[in-house]
Amino acid sequence: MKKSKLFAVIGGIGVAVLSIFLISADHIDAPAVQGTTADITDFYAFQGQNSSNFVFVANVQGLLPPGQPTDEAVFDETVLLEFNIDSNNDLKEDYVIQAIKRGDSMYFFGPSAPAMQGLESTIATSTRRSVKISTKDDVQITEQDGMKFFAGPREDPFFFDFNQYNAVLSGTASSFNNPGMDTFAGTNVLSVVVEFPKSMLPGGTTGVNPFAASTPMYNVWVEAKRKQ
């Protein structure tokens, strides 16, 4: 099995995945990666339209201007995005799905067992799949081995009144407005999307899902890792 150079974590965001929609977000306020090509804005995990599939979405690089002509120059070839999946509730990744840009395409690896657990990763290239990076005028979705892939710009779906939030924190306002002002309206993020069959994830912890005890539960989080 071929492996790439070592990647080390520089940013991450997490959420627990059941068979329902869940989201975790971290816009603007992550100083270590703020404004960089490794800045994760959102992570979405949900059951697909095909109920036999999971869908994972990682959004990076928030506040991009709309109508950006291409994002081949924006996705960073030195940044690995890694979806980590814990199938036995020990809060350690048992499977990973990795995505990294090469040329005009985004390459995906996994789901497979990681070569190592923790803050450092290598890429196992034996399960390589890819999709051409989309632009606003050329949307590409690839289906391979029962999986679907997308990478490219999308309007930021996250709604948050960031200015009012800061005003509340500073004491110059006592509450949020209704309706609020969406700070992210009209701005873009770069999205990396993978849909895959649930059957690709063995295991899953039962008895801990508060909504359906017999339904397997996975802990899932996403990390941005830069080549060392």
C-alpha atoms as a PDB file:
ATOM      1  CA  MET A   1       0.000   0.000   0.000  1.00  0.00           C
ATOM      2  CA  LYS A   2       1.475   3.327  -1.040  1.00  0.00           C
ATOM      3  CA  LYS A   3       1.341   6.168   1.430  1.00  0.00           C
ATOM      4  CA  SER A   4       1.948   9.886   1.081  1.00  0.00           C
ATOM      5  CA  LYS A   5       4.050  12.139   3.205  1.00  0.00           C
ATOM      6  CA  LEU A   6       2.970  12.830   6.758  1.00  0.00           C
ATOM      7  CA  PHE A   7       0.141  15.295   7.380  1.00  0.00           C
ATOM      8  CA  ALA A   8      -0.389  16.941  10.779  1.00  0.00           C
ATOM      9  CA  VAL A   9      -3.644  18.428  12.062  1.00  0.00           C
ATOM     10  CA  ILE A  10      -4.011  22.216  12.123  1.00  0.00           C
ATOM     11  CA  GLY A  11      -7.760  22.543  12.492  1.00  0.00           C
ATOM     12  CA  GLY A  12     -10.779  20.399  13.202  1.00  0.00           C
ATOM     13  CA  ILE A  13     -14.456  20.325  13.940  1.00  0.00           C
ATOM     14  CA  GLY A  14     -16.631  17.519  15.235  1.00  0.00           C
ATOM     15  CA  VAL A  15     -20.129  16.124  15.530  1.00  0.00           C
ATOM     16  CA  ALA A  16     -21.803  12.813  16.398  1.00  0.00           C
ATOM     17  CA  VAL A  17     -23.527  11.095  13.510  1.00  0.00           C
ATOM     18  CA  LEU A  18     -26.733   9.111  13.945  1.00  0.00           C
ATOM     19  CA  SER A  19     -29.211   8.500  11.136  1.00  0.00           C
ATOM     20  CA  ILE A  20     -30.390  12.092  11.315  1.00  0.00           C
ATOM     21  CA  PHE A  21     -29.072  15.437  10.121  1.00  0.00           C
ATOM     22  CA  LEU A  22     -26.440  17.059  12.324  1.00  0.00           C
ATOM     23  CA  ILE A  23     -24.140  20.028  11.867  1.00  0.00           C
ATOM     24  CA  SER A  24     -21.157  21.641  13.509  1.00  0.00           C
ATOM     25  CA  ALA A  25     -19.878  25.086  12.549  1.00  0.00           C
ATOM     26  CA  ASP A  26     -16.918  27.324  13.314  1.00  0.00           C
ATOM     27  CA  HIS A  27     -17.007  30.506  11.222  1.00  0.00           C
ATOM     28  CA  ILE A  28     -14.421  33.272  11.537  1.00  0.00           C
ATOM     29  CA  ASP A  29     -13.384  32.590  15.134  1.00  0.00           C
ATOM     30  CA  ALA A  30     -10.603  29.977  14.856  1.00  0.00           C
ATOM     31  CA  PRO A  31      -7.413  32.070  15.200  1.00  0.00           C
ATOM     32  CA  ALA A  32      -4.957  29.306  14.307  1.00  0.00           C
ATOM     33  CA  VAL A  33      -6.419  28.825  10.827  1.00  0.00           C
ATOM     34  CA  GLN A  34      -8.613  31.896  10.309  1.00  0.00           C
ATOM     35  CA  GLY A  35      -8.451  33.117   6.732  1.00  0.00           C
ATOM     36  CA  THR A  36      -6.180  30.288   5.615  1.00  0.00           C
ATOM     37  CA  THR A  37      -6.763  27.526   3.074  1.00  0.00           C
ATOM     38  CA  ALA A  38      -7.244  25.119   6.002  1.00  0.00           C
ATOM     39  CA  ASP A  39     -10.052  27.102   7.667  1.00  0.00           C
ATOM     40  CA  ILE A  40     -13.043  24.762   8.188  1.00  0.00           C
ATOM     41  CA  THR A  41     -16.370  26.605   8.357  1.00  0.00           C
ATOM     42  CA  ASP A  42     -18.943  23.797   8.566  1.00  0.00           C
ATOM     43  CA  PHE A  43     -19.320  20.067   8.797  1.00  0.00           C
ATOM     44  CA  TYR A  44     -22.612  18.415   7.833  1.00  0.00           C
ATOM     45  CA  ALA A  45     -23.435  14.723   8.243  1.00  0.00           C
ATOM     46  CA  PHE A  46     -26.799  13.282   7.260  1.00  0.00           C
ATOM     47  CA  GLN A  47     -28.633  10.379   5.700  1.00  0.00           C
ATOM     48  CA  GLY A  48     -28.836  10.650   1.933  1.00  0.00           C
ATOM     49  CA  GLN A  49     -31.919  10.821  -0.233  1.00  0.00           C
ATOM     50  CA  ASN A  50     -31.096   7.163  -0.687  1.00  0.00           C
ATOM     51  CA  SER A  51     -31.652   6.050   2.918  1.00  0.00           C
ATOM     52  CA  SER A  52     -28.935   3.404   2.522  1.00  0.00           C
ATOM     53  CA  ASN A  53     -26.290   6.133   2.187  1.00  0.00           C
ATOM     54  CA  PHE A  54     -24.514   8.639   4.401  1.00  0.00           C
ATOM     55  CA  VAL A  55     -23.503  12.086   3.138  1.00  0.00           C
ATOM     56  CA  PHE A  56     -20.577  14.045   4.610  1.00  0.00           C
ATOM     57  CA  VAL A  57     -19.928  17.681   3.696  1.00  0.00           C
ATOM     58  CA  ALA A  58     -16.893  19.735   4.747  1.00  0.00           C
ATOM     59  CA  ASN A  59     -16.915  23.446   3.907  1.00  0.00           C
ATOM     60  CA  VAL A  60     -13.699  25.455   4.033  1.00  0.00           C
ATOM     61  CA  GLN A  61     -12.521  29.022   3.403  1.00  0.00           C
ATOM     62  CA  GLY A  62     -15.552  31.093   4.273  1.00  0.00           C
ATOM     63  CA  LEU A  63     -16.424  34.623   3.104  1.00  0.00           C
ATOM     64  CA  LEU A  64     -15.234  34.023  -0.463  1.00  0.00           C
ATOM     65  CA  PRO A  65     -16.709  36.471  -2.984  1.00  0.00           C
ATOM     66  CA  PRO A  66     -19.540  35.126  -5.175  1.00  0.00           C
ATOM     67  CA  GLY A  67     -18.838  34.519  -8.823  1.00  0.00           C
ATOM     68  CA  GLN A  68     -15.239  33.524  -8.233  1.00  0.00           C
ATOM     69  CA  PRO A  69     -14.167  32.361 -11.709  1.00  0.00           C
ATOM     70  CA  THR A  70     -12.384  29.218 -10.595  1.00  0.00           C
ATOM     71  CA  ASP A  71     -11.411  27.490  -7.405  1.00  0.00           C
ATOM     72  CA  GLU A  72      -8.533  25.415  -8.729  1.00  0.00           C
ATOM     73  CA  ALA A  73      -6.282  28.156  -7.305  1.00  0.00           C
ATOM     74  CA  VAL A  74      -8.138  28.193  -3.968  1.00  0.00           C
ATOM     75  CA  PHE A  75      -8.166  24.559  -2.847  1.00  0.00           C
ATOM     76  CA  ASP A  76      -4.699  23.900  -1.424  1.00  0.00           C
ATOM     77  CA  GLU A  77      -2.662  20.886  -2.544  1.00  0.00           C
ATOM     78  CA  THR A  78      -0.820  20.871   0.797  1.00  0.00           C
ATOM     79  CA  VAL A  79      -4.027  20.573   2.863  1.00  0.00           C
ATOM     80  CA  LEU A  80      -5.622  17.179   3.460  1.00  0.00           C
ATOM     81  CA  LEU A  81      -9.269  17.114   4.553  1.00  0.00           C
ATOM     82  CA  GLU A  82     -10.001  14.044   6.614  1.00  0.00           C
ATOM     83  CA  PHE A  83     -13.398  12.711   7.717  1.00  0.00           C
ATOM     84  CA  ASN A  84     -12.783  10.612  10.832  1.00  0.00           C
ATOM     85  CA  ILE A  85     -15.264   7.891  11.807  1.00  0.00           C
ATOM     86  CA  ASP A  86     -15.375   6.212  15.218  1.00  0.00           C
ATOM     87  CA  SER A  87     -17.425   3.007  15.041  1.00  0.00           C
ATOM     88  CA  ASN A  88     -17.021   1.688  18.612  1.00  0.00           C
ATOM     89  CA  ASN A  89     -17.540   4.842  20.724  1.00  0.00           C
ATOM     90  CA  ASP A  90     -13.963   5.040  22.036  1.00  0.00           C
ATOM     91  CA  LEU A  91     -13.542   8.483  20.399  1.00  0.00           C
ATOM     92  CA  LYS A  92     -10.703   7.249  18.197  1.00  0.00           C
ATOM     93  CA  GLU A  93     -11.027   7.030  14.429  1.00  0.00           C
ATOM     94  CA  ASP A  94     -11.569   3.512  13.093  1.00  0.00           C
ATOM     95  CA  TYR A  95     -12.095   4.629   9.483  1.00  0.00           C
ATOM     96  CA  VAL A  96     -11.127   7.699   7.501  1.00  0.00           C
ATOM     97  CA  ILE A  97     -12.202   9.266   4.223  1.00  0.00           C
ATOM     98  CA  GLN A  98      -9.505  11.592   2.935  1.00  0.00           C
ATOM     99  CA  ALA A  99      -9.671  14.285   0.249  1.00  0.00           C
ATOM    100  CA  ILE A 100      -6.867  16.285  -1.316  1.00  0.00           C
ATOM    101  CA  LYS A 101      -6.505  18.416  -4.449  1.00  0.00           C
ATOM    102  CA  ARG A 102      -4.191  17.434  -7.271  1.00  0.00           C
ATOM    103  CA  GLY A 103      -4.217  19.544 -10.419  1.00  0.00           C
ATOM    104  CA  ASP A 104      -7.797  20.305 -11.455  1.00  0.00           C
ATOM    105  CA  SER A 105      -9.314  17.431  -9.440  1.00  0.00           C
ATOM    106  CA  MET A 106     -10.103  16.422  -5.876  1.00  0.00           C
ATOM    107  CA  TYR A 107      -8.935  12.926  -4.985  1.00  0.00           C
ATOM    108  CA  PHE A 108     -10.670  10.779  -2.369  1.00  0.00           C
ATOM    109  CA  PHE A 109      -9.337   7.809  -0.404  1.00  0.00           C
ATOM    110  CA  GLY A 110     -11.314   5.405   1.777  1.00  0.00           C
ATOM    111  CA  PRO A 111     -13.282   4.693   3.784  1.00  0.00           C
ATOM    112  CA  SER A 112     -10.459   2.627   5.179  1.00  0.00           C
ATOM    113  CA  ALA A 113      -8.676   2.029   8.454  1.00  0.00           C
ATOM    114  CA  PRO A 114      -6.145   4.788   9.157  1.00  0.00           C
ATOM    115  CA  ALA A 115      -2.454   4.008   9.054  1.00  0.00           C
ATOM    116  CA  MET A 116      -2.238   5.780  12.405  1.00  0.00           C
ATOM    117  CA  GLN A 117      -4.700   7.347  14.822  1.00  0.00           C
ATOM    118  CA  GLY A 118      -4.452  10.858  16.190  1.00  0.00           C
ATOM    119  CA  LEU A 119      -3.102  14.152  14.942  1.00  0.00           C
ATOM    120  CA  GLU A 120      -0.943  12.822  12.113  1.00  0.00           C
ATOM    121  CA  SER A 121      -1.974  10.975   8.954  1.00  0.00           C
ATOM    122  CA  THR A 122      -0.667   9.433   5.795  1.00  0.00           C
ATOM    123  CA  ILE A 123      -2.711   8.802   2.660  1.00  0.00           C
ATOM    124  CA  ALA A 124      -3.372   5.207   1.623  1.00  0.00           C
ATOM    125  CA  THR A 125      -3.669   5.420  -2.160  1.00  0.00           C
ATOM    126  CA  SER A 126      -5.074   1.951  -2.860  1.00  0.00           C
ATOM    127  CA  THR A 127      -8.685   3.212  -2.994  1.00  0.00           C
ATOM    128  CA  ARG A 128      -8.214   6.372  -5.057  1.00  0.00           C
ATOM    129  CA  ARG A 129     -11.265   8.010  -6.635  1.00  0.00           C
ATOM    130  CA  SER A 130     -11.595  11.519  -8.015  1.00  0.00           C
ATOM    131  CA  VAL A 131     -13.848  14.274  -9.298  1.00  0.00           C
ATOM    132  CA  LYS A 132     -12.955  17.326 -11.363  1.00  0.00           C
ATOM    133  CA  ILE A 133     -13.215  20.473  -9.243  1.00  0.00           C
ATOM    134  CA  SER A 134     -16.347  22.371 -10.211  1.00  0.00           C
ATOM    135  CA  THR A 135     -16.572  26.019 -11.120  1.00  0.00           C
ATOM    136  CA  LYS A 136     -19.677  28.181 -11.189  1.00  0.00           C
ATOM    137  CA  ASP A 137     -20.072  27.360 -14.893  1.00  0.00           C
ATOM    138  CA  ASP A 138     -19.027  23.708 -14.840  1.00  0.00           C
ATOM    139  CA  VAL A 139     -20.570  21.575 -12.094  1.00  0.00           C
ATOM    140  CA  GLN A 140     -19.093  18.082 -11.843  1.00  0.00           C
ATOM    141  CA  ILE A 141     -20.422  15.148  -9.792  1.00  0.00           C
ATOM    142  CA  THR A 142     -18.693  11.794 -10.134  1.00  0.00           C
ATOM    143  CA  GLU A 143     -20.100   8.397  -9.158  1.00  0.00           C
ATOM    144  CA  GLN A 144     -17.619   5.569  -8.609  1.00  0.00           C
ATOM    145  CA  ASP A 145     -18.004   2.252  -6.765  1.00  0.00           C
ATOM    146  CA  GLY A 146     -21.380   3.281  -5.351  1.00  0.00           C
ATOM    147  CA  MET A 147     -19.981   6.559  -4.009  1.00  0.00           C
ATOM    148  CA  LYS A 148     -20.627  10.130  -5.218  1.00  0.00           C
ATOM    149  CA  PHE A 149     -18.180  13.034  -5.042  1.00  0.00           C
ATOM    150  CA  PHE A 150     -18.251  16.807  -5.465  1.00  0.00           C
ATOM    151  CA  ALA A 151     -15.729  19.571  -4.813  1.00  0.00           C
ATOM    152  CA  GLY A 152     -16.204  23.234  -5.604  1.00  0.00           C
ATOM    153  CA  PRO A 153     -17.736  26.576  -4.600  1.00  0.00           C
ATOM    154  CA  ARG A 154     -21.198  26.860  -3.070  1.00  0.00           C
ATOM    155  CA  GLU A 155     -23.063  29.696  -1.398  1.00  0.00           C
ATOM    156  CA  ASP A 156     -22.528  29.508   2.369  1.00  0.00           C
ATOM    157  CA  PRO A 157     -25.639  27.798   3.839  1.00  0.00           C
ATOM    158  CA  PHE A 158     -24.880  28.808   7.432  1.00  0.00           C
ATOM    159  CA  PHE A 159     -27.094  31.575   8.906  1.00  0.00           C
ATOM    160  CA  PHE A 160     -25.649  33.659  11.720  1.00  0.00           C
ATOM    161  CA  ASP A 161     -25.774  37.306  12.791  1.00  0.00           C
ATOM    162  CA  PHE A 162     -22.110  37.617  13.700  1.00  0.00           C
ATOM    163  CA  ASN A 163     -22.144  41.374  14.347  1.00  0.00           C
ATOM    164  CA  GLN A 164     -25.057  41.112  16.766  1.00  0.00           C
ATOM    165  CA  TYR A 165     -23.377  38.153  18.447  1.00  0.00           C
ATOM    166  CA  ASN A 166     -20.302  40.322  19.093  1.00  0.00           C
ATOM    167  CA  ALA A 167     -22.532  43.121  20.367  1.00  0.00           C
ATOM    168  CA  VAL A 168     -24.172  40.764  22.860  1.00  0.00           C
ATOM    169  CA  LEU A 169     -20.776  39.494  24.012  1.00  0.00           C
ATOM    170  CA  SER A 170     -19.439  43.031  24.470  1.00  0.00           C
ATOM    171  CA  GLY A 171     -22.507  44.162  26.388  1.00  0.00           C
ATOM    172  CA  THR A 172     -23.661  46.781  23.863  1.00  0.00           C
ATOM    173  CA  ALA A 173     -26.731  44.646  23.065  1.00  0.00           C
ATOM    174  CA  SER A 174     -28.797  42.390  25.284  1.00  0.00           C
ATOM    175  CA  SER A 175     -30.400  40.073  22.734  1.00  0.00           C
ATOM    176  CA  PHE A 176     -30.475  38.965  19.130  1.00  0.00           C
ATOM    177  CA  ASN A 177     -32.690  40.668  16.576  1.00  0.00           C
ATOM    178  CA  ASN A 178     -35.653  38.853  15.042  1.00  0.00           C
ATOM    179  CA  PRO A 179     -35.054  38.551  12.173  1.00  0.00           C
ATOM    180  CA  GLY A 180     -31.315  38.847  12.338  1.00  0.00           C
ATOM    181  CA  MET A 181     -28.863  39.881   9.634  1.00  0.00           C
ATOM    182  CA  ASP A 182     -27.142  36.941   7.954  1.00  0.00           C
ATOM    183  CA  THR A 183     -23.436  37.786   7.998  1.00  0.00           C
ATOM    184  CA  PHE A 184     -22.671  35.077   5.442  1.00  0.00           C
ATOM    185  CA  ALA A 185     -25.421  35.814   2.907  1.00  0.00           C
ATOM    186  CA  GLY A 186     -24.100  36.083  -0.630  1.00  0.00           C
ATOM    187  CA  THR A 187     -20.668  34.685   0.224  1.00  0.00           C
ATOM    188  CA  ASN A 188     -19.182  31.400  -0.907  1.00  0.00           C
ATOM    189  CA  VAL A 189     -17.418  28.485   0.707  1.00  0.00           C
ATOM    190  CA  LEU A 190     -15.517  25.643  -0.901  1.00  0.00           C
ATOM    191  CA  SER A 191     -17.417  22.385  -0.386  1.00  0.00           C
ATOM    192  CA  VAL A 192     -16.109  18.836  -0.394  1.00  0.00           C
ATOM    193  CA  VAL A 193     -18.939  16.290  -0.505  1.00  0.00           C
ATOM    194  CA  VAL A 194     -18.904  12.512  -0.390  1.00  0.00           C
ATOM    195  CA  GLU A 195     -21.924  10.187  -0.383  1.00  0.00           C
ATOM    196  CA  PHE A 196     -21.333   6.527   0.314  1.00  0.00           C
ATOM    197  CA  PRO A 197     -23.239   3.371   1.320  1.00  0.00           C
ATOM    198  CA  LYS A 198     -23.672   2.756   5.028  1.00  0.00           C
ATOM    199  CA  SER A 199     -22.525  -0.795   4.331  1.00  0.00           C
ATOM    200  CA  MET A 200     -18.993   0.571   3.876  1.00  0.00           C
ATOM    201  CA  LEU A 201     -18.881   1.240   7.650  1.00  0.00           C
ATOM    202  CA  PRO A 202     -18.870  -1.980   9.649  1.00  0.00           C
ATOM    203  CA  GLY A 203     -19.690  -1.821  13.345  1.00  0.00           C
ATOM    204  CA  GLY A 204     -21.402   1.143  14.858  1.00  0.00           C
ATOM    205  CA  THR A 205     -22.285   1.392  18.545  1.00  0.00           C
ATOM    206  CA  THR A 206     -25.786   0.277  19.532  1.00  0.00           C
ATOM    207  CA  GLY A 207     -27.663   0.955  22.756  1.00  0.00           C
ATOM    208  CA  VAL A 208     -26.437   4.562  23.056  1.00  0.00           C
ATOM    209  CA  ASN A 209     -28.606   6.258  20.438  1.00  0.00           C
ATOM    210  CA  PRO A 210     -31.232   8.174  22.470  1.00  0.00           C
ATOM    211  CA  PHE A 211     -33.615   8.205  19.517  1.00  0.00           C
ATOM    212  CA  ALA A 212     -33.336   4.562  18.420  1.00  0.00           C
ATOM    213  CA  ALA A 213     -31.347   2.208  20.638  1.00  0.00           C
ATOM    214  CA  SER A 214     -31.046  -0.468  17.941  1.00  0.00           C
ATOM    215  CA  THR A 215     -29.719   1.959  15.309  1.00  0.00           C
ATOM    216  CA  PRO A 216     -25.911   1.998  15.070  1.00  0.00           C
ATOM    217  CA  MET A 217     -24.260   5.295  15.981  1.00  0.00           C
ATOM    218  CA  TYR A 218     -20.955   6.685  14.739  1.00  0.00           C
ATOM    219  CA  ASN A 219     -18.931   9.569  16.094  1.00  0.00           C
ATOM    220  CA  VAL A 220     -17.631  11.633  13.199  1.00  0.00           C
ATOM    221  CA  TRP A 221     -15.389  14.687  12.939  1.00  0.00           C
ATOM    222  CA  VAL A 222     -13.435  16.437  10.210  1.00  0.00           C
ATOM    223  CA  GLU A 223      -9.875  17.740  10.299  1.00  0.00           C
ATOM    224  CA  ALA A 224      -7.671  19.851   8.052  1.00  0.00           C
ATOM    225  CA  LYS A 225      -4.075  18.602   8.002  1.00  0.00           C
ATOM    226  CA  ARG A 226      -1.098  20.238   6.328  1.00  0.00           C
ATOM    227  CA  LYS A 227       1.806  18.371   4.737  1.00  0.00           C
ATOM    228  CA  GLN A 228       4.899  18.255   6.931  1.00  0.00           C
END
